[in-house]
């Protein structure tokens, strides 16, 4: 039986920052298997985002084995799973879309 996915404390705030920046956001944190936490789109561009809480210690911000495997699989396909730890990073990424 699969355990419920755990969201980082800043997950909702990061999602809202993307939405306020005019992005379309799909929360995929419950998919499991290391799948990225958010799909974020704007102006015909789509990025996958892994949310980590930047206020936590570096060891608590590391990707899980499943998340690392997922990110590497998509990196090999030419698509980066972007790691976002702060609201500022979310705002900067949204501005690049």
PDB file of N, CA and C in Angstrom:
ATOM      1  N   UNK A   1       0.834  -1.189   0.000  1.00  0.00           N
ATOM      2  CA  UNK A   1       0.000   0.000   0.000  1.00  0.00           C
ATOM      3  C   UNK A   1       0.875   1.247   0.000  1.00  0.00           C
ATOM      4  N   UNK A   2       0.575   2.186  -0.878  1.00  0.00           N
ATOM      5  CA  UNK A   2       1.355   3.402  -1.015  1.00  0.00           C
ATOM      6  C   UNK A   2       1.020   4.383   0.098  1.00  0.00           C
ATOM      7  N   UNK A   3       2.072   4.999   0.655  1.00  0.00           N
ATOM      8  CA  UNK A   3       1.868   6.019   1.676  1.00  0.00           C
ATOM      9  C   UNK A   3       1.423   7.324   1.025  1.00  0.00           C
ATOM     10  N   UNK A   4       0.722   8.142   1.795  1.00  0.00           N
ATOM     11  CA  UNK A   4       0.304   9.450   1.293  1.00  0.00           C
ATOM     12  C   UNK A   4       1.530  10.312   1.056  1.00  0.00           C
ATOM     13  N   UNK A   5       1.522  11.048  -0.025  1.00  0.00           N
ATOM     14  CA  UNK A   5       2.638  11.924  -0.351  1.00  0.00           C
ATOM     15  C   UNK A   5       2.713  13.061   0.660  1.00  0.00           C
ATOM     16  N   UNK A   6       3.939  13.411   1.050  1.00  0.00           N
ATOM     17  CA  UNK A   6       4.163  14.490   1.994  1.00  0.00           C
ATOM     18  C   UNK A   6       4.502  15.753   1.214  1.00  0.00           C
ATOM     19  N   UNK A   7       3.866  16.840   1.570  1.00  0.00           N
ATOM     20  CA  UNK A   7       4.157  18.121   0.932  1.00  0.00           C
ATOM     21  C   UNK A   7       5.059  18.934   1.844  1.00  0.00           C
ATOM     22  N   UNK A   8       5.993  19.666   1.233  1.00  0.00           N
ATOM     23  CA  UNK A   8       6.818  20.573   2.013  1.00  0.00           C
ATOM     24  C   UNK A   8       5.952  21.722   2.523  1.00  0.00           C
ATOM     25  N   UNK A   9       6.386  22.332   3.627  1.00  0.00           N
ATOM     26  CA  UNK A   9       5.598  23.380   4.277  1.00  0.00           C
ATOM     27  C   UNK A   9       5.301  24.569   3.357  1.00  0.00           C
ATOM     28  N   UNK A  10       6.184  24.859   2.422  1.00  0.00           N
ATOM     29  CA  UNK A  10       6.007  26.017   1.534  1.00  0.00           C
ATOM     30  C   UNK A  10       5.302  25.664   0.224  1.00  0.00           C
ATOM     31  N   UNK A  11       4.834  24.436   0.089  1.00  0.00           N
ATOM     32  CA  UNK A  11       4.236  23.964  -1.161  1.00  0.00           C
ATOM     33  C   UNK A  11       3.094  24.877  -1.630  1.00  0.00           C
ATOM     34  N   UNK A  12       2.144  25.148  -0.752  1.00  0.00           N
ATOM     35  CA  UNK A  12       0.994  25.981  -1.125  1.00  0.00           C
ATOM     36  C   UNK A  12       1.401  27.389  -1.505  1.00  0.00           C
ATOM     37  N   UNK A  13       2.362  27.952  -0.786  1.00  0.00           N
ATOM     38  CA  UNK A  13       2.823  29.312  -1.087  1.00  0.00           C
ATOM     39  C   UNK A  13       3.523  29.376  -2.436  1.00  0.00           C
ATOM     40  N   UNK A  14       4.311  28.357  -2.752  1.00  0.00           N
ATOM     41  CA  UNK A  14       4.997  28.322  -4.049  1.00  0.00           C
ATOM     42  C   UNK A  14       3.965  28.195  -5.166  1.00  0.00           C
ATOM     43  N   UNK A  15       2.988  27.300  -4.993  1.00  0.00           N
ATOM     44  CA  UNK A  15       1.928  27.141  -5.992  1.00  0.00           C
ATOM     45  C   UNK A  15       1.201  28.474  -6.207  1.00  0.00           C
ATOM     46  N   UNK A  16       0.841  29.156  -5.129  1.00  0.00           N
ATOM     47  CA  UNK A  16       0.146  30.436  -5.233  1.00  0.00           C
ATOM     48  C   UNK A  16       1.006  31.505  -5.911  1.00  0.00           C
ATOM     49  N   UNK A  17       2.317  31.481  -5.677  1.00  0.00           N
ATOM     50  CA  UNK A  17       3.209  32.454  -6.327  1.00  0.00           C
ATOM     51  C   UNK A  17       3.180  32.277  -7.834  1.00  0.00           C
ATOM     52  N   UNK A  18       3.194  31.031  -8.297  1.00  0.00           N
ATOM     53  CA  UNK A  18       3.094  30.786  -9.739  1.00  0.00           C
ATOM     54  C   UNK A  18       1.751  31.273 -10.283  1.00  0.00           C
ATOM     55  N   UNK A  19       0.678  30.977  -9.578  1.00  0.00           N
ATOM     56  CA  UNK A  19      -0.653  31.391 -10.031  1.00  0.00           C
ATOM     57  C   UNK A  19      -0.767  32.914 -10.089  1.00  0.00           C
ATOM     58  N   UNK A  20      -0.231  33.609  -9.085  1.00  0.00           N
ATOM     59  CA  UNK A  20      -0.282  35.075  -9.058  1.00  0.00           C
ATOM     60  C   UNK A  20       0.541  35.678 -10.196  1.00  0.00           C
ATOM     61  N   UNK A  21       1.533  34.915 -10.670  1.00  0.00           N
ATOM     62  CA  UNK A  21       2.376  35.383 -11.778  1.00  0.00           C
ATOM     63  C   UNK A  21       1.742  35.058 -13.129  1.00  0.00           C
ATOM     64  N   UNK A  22       0.503  34.571 -13.113  1.00  0.00           N
ATOM     65  CA  UNK A  22      -0.210  34.310 -14.359  1.00  0.00           C
ATOM     66  C   UNK A  22      -0.001  32.931 -14.944  1.00  0.00           C
ATOM     67  N   UNK A  23       0.577  32.031 -14.180  1.00  0.00           N
ATOM     68  CA  UNK A  23       0.819  30.674 -14.660  1.00  0.00           C
ATOM     69  C   UNK A  23      -0.398  29.786 -14.413  1.00  0.00           C
ATOM     70  N   UNK A  24      -0.533  28.782 -15.245  1.00  0.00           N
ATOM     71  CA  UNK A  24      -1.491  27.713 -15.002  1.00  0.00           C
ATOM     72  C   UNK A  24      -0.736  26.639 -14.236  1.00  0.00           C
ATOM     73  N   UNK A  25      -1.325  26.164 -13.142  1.00  0.00           N
ATOM     74  CA  UNK A  25      -0.620  25.225 -12.270  1.00  0.00           C
ATOM     75  C   UNK A  25      -1.483  24.002 -12.010  1.00  0.00           C
ATOM     76  N   UNK A  26      -0.871  22.840 -12.136  1.00  0.00           N
ATOM     77  CA  UNK A  26      -1.521  21.585 -11.766  1.00  0.00           C
ATOM     78  C   UNK A  26      -0.700  20.981 -10.635  1.00  0.00           C
ATOM     79  N   UNK A  27      -1.339  20.764  -9.492  1.00  0.00           N
ATOM     80  CA  UNK A  27      -0.670  20.180  -8.335  1.00  0.00           C
ATOM     81  C   UNK A  27      -0.649  18.667  -8.511  1.00  0.00           C
ATOM     82  N   UNK A  28       0.536  18.119  -8.729  1.00  0.00           N
ATOM     83  CA  UNK A  28       0.705  16.691  -8.974  1.00  0.00           C
ATOM     84  C   UNK A  28       1.449  16.010  -7.823  1.00  0.00           C
ATOM     85  N   UNK A  29       1.470  16.665  -6.672  1.00  0.00           N
ATOM     86  CA  UNK A  29       2.232  16.138  -5.540  1.00  0.00           C
ATOM     87  C   UNK A  29       1.706  14.800  -5.048  1.00  0.00           C
ATOM     88  N   UNK A  30       0.465  14.475  -5.330  1.00  0.00           N
ATOM     89  CA  UNK A  30      -0.106  13.217  -4.872  1.00  0.00           C
ATOM     90  C   UNK A  30       0.088  12.056  -5.820  1.00  0.00           C
ATOM     91  N   UNK A  31       0.728  12.286  -6.961  1.00  0.00           N
ATOM     92  CA  UNK A  31       0.897  11.220  -7.957  1.00  0.00           C
ATOM     93  C   UNK A  31       1.793  10.105  -7.427  1.00  0.00           C
ATOM     94  N   UNK A  32       2.862  10.468  -6.750  1.00  0.00           N
ATOM     95  CA  UNK A  32       3.783   9.469  -6.203  1.00  0.00           C
ATOM     96  C   UNK A  32       4.804   9.001  -7.215  1.00  0.00           C
ATOM     97  N   UNK A  33       5.631   8.071  -6.808  1.00  0.00           N
ATOM     98  CA  UNK A  33       6.660   7.527  -7.686  1.00  0.00           C
ATOM     99  C   UNK A  33       7.738   8.522  -8.059  1.00  0.00           C
ATOM    100  N   UNK A  34       7.875   9.598  -7.273  1.00  0.00           N
ATOM    101  CA  UNK A  34       8.882  10.608  -7.554  1.00  0.00           C
ATOM    102  C   UNK A  34       8.445  11.665  -8.535  1.00  0.00           C
ATOM    103  N   UNK A  35       7.195  11.569  -9.023  1.00  0.00           N
ATOM    104  CA  UNK A  35       6.694  12.551  -9.993  1.00  0.00           C
ATOM    105  C   UNK A  35       6.817  13.949  -9.414  1.00  0.00           C
ATOM    106  N   UNK A  36       7.132  14.924 -10.260  1.00  0.00           N
ATOM    107  CA  UNK A  36       7.300  16.318  -9.827  1.00  0.00           C
ATOM    108  C   UNK A  36       6.053  16.816  -9.104  1.00  0.00           C
ATOM    109  N   UNK A  37       6.222  17.775  -8.207  1.00  0.00           N
ATOM    110  CA  UNK A  37       5.122  18.297  -7.387  1.00  0.00           C
ATOM    111  C   UNK A  37       4.136  19.164  -8.162  1.00  0.00           C
ATOM    112  N   UNK A  38       4.641  19.926  -9.127  1.00  0.00           N
ATOM    113  CA  UNK A  38       3.794  20.859  -9.868  1.00  0.00           C
ATOM    114  C   UNK A  38       4.106  20.815 -11.354  1.00  0.00           C
ATOM    115  N   UNK A  39       3.078  20.954 -12.172  1.00  0.00           N
ATOM    116  CA  UNK A  39       3.246  21.254 -13.594  1.00  0.00           C
ATOM    117  C   UNK A  39       2.858  22.717 -13.732  1.00  0.00           C
ATOM    118  N   UNK A  40       3.748  23.509 -14.311  1.00  0.00           N
ATOM    119  CA  UNK A  40       3.539  24.955 -14.396  1.00  0.00           C
ATOM    120  C   UNK A  40       3.661  25.370 -15.858  1.00  0.00           C
ATOM    121  N   UNK A  41       2.635  26.040 -16.352  1.00  0.00           N
ATOM    122  CA  UNK A  41       2.641  26.465 -17.743  1.00  0.00           C
ATOM    123  C   UNK A  41       2.292  27.927 -17.902  1.00  0.00           C
ATOM    124  N   UNK A  42       2.870  28.523 -18.946  1.00  0.00           N
ATOM    125  CA  UNK A  42       2.580  29.920 -19.279  1.00  0.00           C
ATOM    126  C   UNK A  42       3.120  30.184 -20.683  1.00  0.00           C
ATOM    127  N   UNK A  43       2.327  30.859 -21.476  1.00  0.00           N
ATOM    128  CA  UNK A  43       2.751  31.296 -22.812  1.00  0.00           C
ATOM    129  C   UNK A  43       3.289  30.139 -23.656  1.00  0.00           C
ATOM    130  N   UNK A  44       2.626  28.995 -23.583  1.00  0.00           N
ATOM    131  CA  UNK A  44       3.016  27.861 -24.407  1.00  0.00           C
ATOM    132  C   UNK A  44       4.197  27.071 -23.889  1.00  0.00           C
ATOM    133  N   UNK A  45       4.684  27.397 -22.709  1.00  0.00           N
ATOM    134  CA  UNK A  45       5.810  26.673 -22.116  1.00  0.00           C
ATOM    135  C   UNK A  45       5.318  25.915 -20.894  1.00  0.00           C
ATOM    136  N   UNK A  46       5.924  24.762 -20.646  1.00  0.00           N
ATOM    137  CA  UNK A  46       5.560  23.925 -19.510  1.00  0.00           C
ATOM    138  C   UNK A  46       6.828  23.480 -18.802  1.00  0.00           C
ATOM    139  N   UNK A  47       6.831  23.595 -17.477  1.00  0.00           N
ATOM    140  CA  UNK A  47       7.955  23.092 -16.688  1.00  0.00           C
ATOM    141  C   UNK A  47       7.413  22.212 -15.571  1.00  0.00           C
ATOM    142  N   UNK A  48       8.231  21.246 -15.184  1.00  0.00           N
ATOM    143  CA  UNK A  48       7.925  20.419 -14.026  1.00  0.00           C
ATOM    144  C   UNK A  48       8.735  20.971 -12.862  1.00  0.00           C
ATOM    145  N   UNK A  49       8.077  21.093 -11.712  1.00  0.00           N
ATOM    146  CA  UNK A  49       8.713  21.713 -10.554  1.00  0.00           C
ATOM    147  C   UNK A  49       8.670  20.763  -9.362  1.00  0.00           C
ATOM    148  N   UNK A  50       9.815  20.595  -8.736  1.00  0.00           N
ATOM    149  CA  UNK A  50       9.913  19.874  -7.466  1.00  0.00           C
ATOM    150  C   UNK A  50      10.059  20.927  -6.371  1.00  0.00           C
ATOM    151  N   UNK A  51       9.143  20.950  -5.421  1.00  0.00           N
ATOM    152  CA  UNK A  51       9.158  21.945  -4.345  1.00  0.00           C
ATOM    153  C   UNK A  51       9.864  21.356  -3.131  1.00  0.00           C
ATOM    154  N   UNK A  52      10.825  22.102  -2.626  1.00  0.00           N
ATOM    155  CA  UNK A  52      11.508  21.776  -1.371  1.00  0.00           C
ATOM    156  C   UNK A  52      11.485  23.029  -0.510  1.00  0.00           C
ATOM    157  N   UNK A  53      11.460  22.852   0.788  1.00  0.00           N
ATOM    158  CA  UNK A  53      11.396  23.968   1.731  1.00  0.00           C
ATOM    159  C   UNK A  53      12.800  24.477   2.014  1.00  0.00           C
ATOM    160  N   UNK A  54      13.115  25.650   1.497  1.00  0.00           N
ATOM    161  CA  UNK A  54      14.438  26.242   1.646  1.00  0.00           C
ATOM    162  C   UNK A  54      14.813  26.580   3.077  1.00  0.00           C
ATOM    163  N   UNK A  55      13.855  26.601   3.988  1.00  0.00           N
ATOM    164  CA  UNK A  55      14.165  26.904   5.390  1.00  0.00           C
ATOM    165  C   UNK A  55      14.642  25.666   6.148  1.00  0.00           C
ATOM    166  N   UNK A  56      14.538  24.505   5.538  1.00  0.00           N
ATOM    167  CA  UNK A  56      14.970  23.260   6.179  1.00  0.00           C
ATOM    168  C   UNK A  56      16.471  23.064   5.972  1.00  0.00           C
ATOM    169  N   UNK A  57      17.052  22.161   6.744  1.00  0.00           N
ATOM    170  CA  UNK A  57      18.477  21.858   6.599  1.00  0.00           C
ATOM    171  C   UNK A  57      18.713  21.242   5.219  1.00  0.00           C
ATOM    172  N   UNK A  58      19.942  21.372   4.707  1.00  0.00           N
ATOM    173  CA  UNK A  58      20.236  20.804   3.378  1.00  0.00           C
ATOM    174  C   UNK A  58      19.883  19.321   3.263  1.00  0.00           C
ATOM    175  N   UNK A  59      20.066  18.555   4.312  1.00  0.00           N
ATOM    176  CA  UNK A  59      19.754  17.124   4.236  1.00  0.00           C
ATOM    177  C   UNK A  59      18.251  16.886   4.099  1.00  0.00           C
ATOM    178  N   UNK A  60      17.432  17.803   4.609  1.00  0.00           N
ATOM    179  CA  UNK A  60      15.977  17.651   4.511  1.00  0.00           C
ATOM    180  C   UNK A  60      15.435  18.200   3.197  1.00  0.00           C
ATOM    181  N   UNK A  61      16.306  18.869   2.420  1.00  0.00           N
ATOM    182  CA  UNK A  61      15.888  19.420   1.126  1.00  0.00           C
ATOM    183  C   UNK A  61      16.312  18.541  -0.036  1.00  0.00           C
ATOM    184  N   UNK A  62      16.977  17.455   0.229  1.00  0.00           N
ATOM    185  CA  UNK A  62      17.433  16.578  -0.851  1.00  0.00           C
ATOM    186  C   UNK A  62      16.253  15.842  -1.469  1.00  0.00           C
ATOM    187  N   UNK A  63      16.386  15.589  -2.762  1.00  0.00           N
ATOM    188  CA  UNK A  63      15.372  14.772  -3.433  1.00  0.00           C
ATOM    189  C   UNK A  63      15.432  13.351  -2.902  1.00  0.00           C
ATOM    190  N   UNK A  64      14.260  12.722  -2.862  1.00  0.00           N
ATOM    191  CA  UNK A  64      14.226  11.301  -2.506  1.00  0.00           C
ATOM    192  C   UNK A  64      14.826  10.507  -3.665  1.00  0.00           C
ATOM    193  N   UNK A  65      15.066   9.226  -3.429  1.00  0.00           N
ATOM    194  CA  UNK A  65      15.586   8.385  -4.509  1.00  0.00           C
ATOM    195  C   UNK A  65      14.622   8.368  -5.690  1.00  0.00           C
ATOM    196  N   UNK A  66      13.334   8.252  -5.417  1.00  0.00           N
ATOM    197  CA  UNK A  66      12.337   8.257  -6.493  1.00  0.00           C
ATOM    198  C   UNK A  66      12.343   9.579  -7.247  1.00  0.00           C
ATOM    199  N   UNK A  67      12.431  10.697  -6.521  1.00  0.00           N
ATOM    200  CA  UNK A  67      12.452  12.018  -7.165  1.00  0.00           C
ATOM    201  C   UNK A  67      13.698  12.182  -8.024  1.00  0.00           C
ATOM    202  N   UNK A  68      14.838  11.721  -7.528  1.00  0.00           N
ATOM    203  CA  UNK A  68      16.091  11.820  -8.288  1.00  0.00           C
ATOM    204  C   UNK A  68      16.024  10.965  -9.548  1.00  0.00           C
ATOM    205  N   UNK A  69      15.484   9.758  -9.435  1.00  0.00           N
ATOM    206  CA  UNK A  69      15.338   8.871 -10.592  1.00  0.00           C
ATOM    207  C   UNK A  69      14.416   9.503 -11.640  1.00  0.00           C
ATOM    208  N   UNK A  70      13.292  10.059 -11.188  1.00  0.00           N
ATOM    209  CA  UNK A  70      12.342  10.717 -12.086  1.00  0.00           C
ATOM    210  C   UNK A  70      13.009  11.896 -12.800  1.00  0.00           C
ATOM    211  N   UNK A  71      13.706  12.746 -12.036  1.00  0.00           N
ATOM    212  CA  UNK A  71      14.366  13.917 -12.621  1.00  0.00           C
ATOM    213  C   UNK A  71      15.418  13.506 -13.648  1.00  0.00           C
ATOM    214  N   UNK A  72      16.169  12.466 -13.350  1.00  0.00           N
ATOM    215  CA  UNK A  72      17.206  12.001 -14.282  1.00  0.00           C
ATOM    216  C   UNK A  72      16.593  11.427 -15.553  1.00  0.00           C
ATOM    217  N   UNK A  73      15.516  10.686 -15.421  1.00  0.00           N
ATOM    218  CA  UNK A  73      14.828  10.129 -16.593  1.00  0.00           C
ATOM    219  C   UNK A  73      14.407  11.242 -17.540  1.00  0.00           C
ATOM    220  N   UNK A  74      13.827  12.304 -16.995  1.00  0.00           N
ATOM    221  CA  UNK A  74      13.354  13.400 -17.834  1.00  0.00           C
ATOM    222  C   UNK A  74      14.494  14.284 -18.307  1.00  0.00           C
ATOM    223  N   UNK A  75      15.573  14.385 -17.520  1.00  0.00           N
ATOM    224  CA  UNK A  75      16.747  15.150 -17.967  1.00  0.00           C
ATOM    225  C   UNK A  75      17.324  14.499 -19.210  1.00  0.00           C
ATOM    226  N   UNK A  76      17.353  13.172 -19.229  1.00  0.00           N
ATOM    227  CA  UNK A  76      17.862  12.450 -20.398  1.00  0.00           C
ATOM    228  C   UNK A  76      16.981  12.680 -21.620  1.00  0.00           C
ATOM    229  N   UNK A  77      15.721  13.013 -21.398  1.00  0.00           N
ATOM    230  CA  UNK A  77      14.810  13.328 -22.499  1.00  0.00           C
ATOM    231  C   UNK A  77      14.863  14.805 -22.872  1.00  0.00           C
ATOM    232  N   UNK A  78      15.765  15.548 -22.209  1.00  0.00           N
ATOM    233  CA  UNK A  78      15.924  16.964 -22.525  1.00  0.00           C
ATOM    234  C   UNK A  78      14.995  17.895 -21.756  1.00  0.00           C
ATOM    235  N   UNK A  79      14.363  17.380 -20.697  1.00  0.00           N
ATOM    236  CA  UNK A  79      13.437  18.188 -19.911  1.00  0.00           C
ATOM    237  C   UNK A  79      13.906  18.200 -18.470  1.00  0.00           C
ATOM    238  N   UNK A  80      14.130  19.395 -17.947  1.00  0.00           N
ATOM    239  CA  UNK A  80      14.599  19.529 -16.574  1.00  0.00           C
ATOM    240  C   UNK A  80      13.420  19.598 -15.609  1.00  0.00           C
ATOM    241  N   UNK A  81      13.560  18.913 -14.475  1.00  0.00           N
ATOM    242  CA  UNK A  81      12.637  19.072 -13.366  1.00  0.00           C
ATOM    243  C   UNK A  81      13.286  20.115 -12.461  1.00  0.00           C
ATOM    244  N   UNK A  82      12.703  21.313 -12.435  1.00  0.00           N
ATOM    245  CA  UNK A  82      13.298  22.447 -11.739  1.00  0.00           C
ATOM    246  C   UNK A  82      13.026  22.347 -10.240  1.00  0.00           C
ATOM    247  N   UNK A  83      14.069  22.522  -9.453  1.00  0.00           N
ATOM    248  CA  UNK A  83      13.952  22.518  -8.009  1.00  0.00           C
ATOM    249  C   UNK A  83      13.694  23.950  -7.535  1.00  0.00           C
ATOM    250  N   UNK A  84      12.600  24.151  -6.805  1.00  0.00           N
ATOM    251  CA  UNK A  84      12.242  25.465  -6.276  1.00  0.00           C
ATOM    252  C   UNK A  84      12.154  25.361  -4.762  1.00  0.00           C
ATOM    253  N   UNK A  85      12.948  26.198  -4.071  1.00  0.00           N
ATOM    254  CA  UNK A  85      12.990  26.166  -2.611  1.00  0.00           C
ATOM    255  C   UNK A  85      12.413  27.415  -1.962  1.00  0.00           C
ATOM    256  N   UNK A  86      12.227  28.484  -2.730  1.00  0.00           N
ATOM    257  CA  UNK A  86      11.759  29.746  -2.151  1.00  0.00           C
ATOM    258  C   UNK A  86      10.720  30.398  -3.062  1.00  0.00           C
ATOM    259  N   UNK A  87       9.967  31.327  -2.492  1.00  0.00           N
ATOM    260  CA  UNK A  87       9.013  32.100  -3.295  1.00  0.00           C
ATOM    261  C   UNK A  87       9.744  32.903  -4.356  1.00  0.00           C
ATOM    262  N   UNK A  88      10.901  33.434  -4.020  1.00  0.00           N
ATOM    263  CA  UNK A  88      11.684  34.226  -4.978  1.00  0.00           C
ATOM    264  C   UNK A  88      12.069  33.381  -6.187  1.00  0.00           C
ATOM    265  N   UNK A  89      12.452  32.143  -5.957  1.00  0.00           N
ATOM    266  CA  UNK A  89      12.805  31.254  -7.070  1.00  0.00           C
ATOM    267  C   UNK A  89      11.586  30.977  -7.938  1.00  0.00           C
ATOM    268  N   UNK A  90      10.422  30.816  -7.318  1.00  0.00           N
ATOM    269  CA  UNK A  90       9.192  30.590  -8.080  1.00  0.00           C
ATOM    270  C   UNK A  90       8.865  31.798  -8.944  1.00  0.00           C
ATOM    271  N   UNK A  91       8.993  32.986  -8.384  1.00  0.00           N
ATOM    272  CA  UNK A  91       8.716  34.221  -9.122  1.00  0.00           C
ATOM    273  C   UNK A  91       9.685  34.388 -10.283  1.00  0.00           C
ATOM    274  N   UNK A  92      10.968  34.097 -10.051  1.00  0.00           N
ATOM    275  CA  UNK A  92      11.965  34.192 -11.116  1.00  0.00           C
ATOM    276  C   UNK A  92      11.689  33.199 -12.239  1.00  0.00           C
ATOM    277  N   UNK A  93      11.322  31.972 -11.866  1.00  0.00           N
ATOM    278  CA  UNK A  93      11.013  30.966 -12.884  1.00  0.00           C
ATOM    279  C   UNK A  93       9.790  31.371 -13.685  1.00  0.00           C
ATOM    280  N   UNK A  94       8.758  31.878 -13.021  1.00  0.00           N
ATOM    281  CA  UNK A  94       7.551  32.312 -13.713  1.00  0.00           C
ATOM    282  C   UNK A  94       7.863  33.425 -14.703  1.00  0.00           C
ATOM    283  N   UNK A  95       8.781  34.303 -14.348  1.00  0.00           N
ATOM    284  CA  UNK A  95       9.154  35.415 -15.233  1.00  0.00           C
ATOM    285  C   UNK A  95       9.884  34.926 -16.471  1.00  0.00           C
ATOM    286  N   UNK A  96      10.500  33.757 -16.396  1.00  0.00           N
ATOM    287  CA  UNK A  96      11.237  33.183 -17.540  1.00  0.00           C
ATOM    288  C   UNK A  96      10.307  32.465 -18.517  1.00  0.00           C
ATOM    289  N   UNK A  97       9.087  32.196 -18.091  1.00  0.00           N
ATOM    290  CA  UNK A  97       8.148  31.475 -18.958  1.00  0.00           C
ATOM    291  C   UNK A  97       7.464  32.422 -19.910  1.00  0.00           C
TER     292      UNK A  97
END
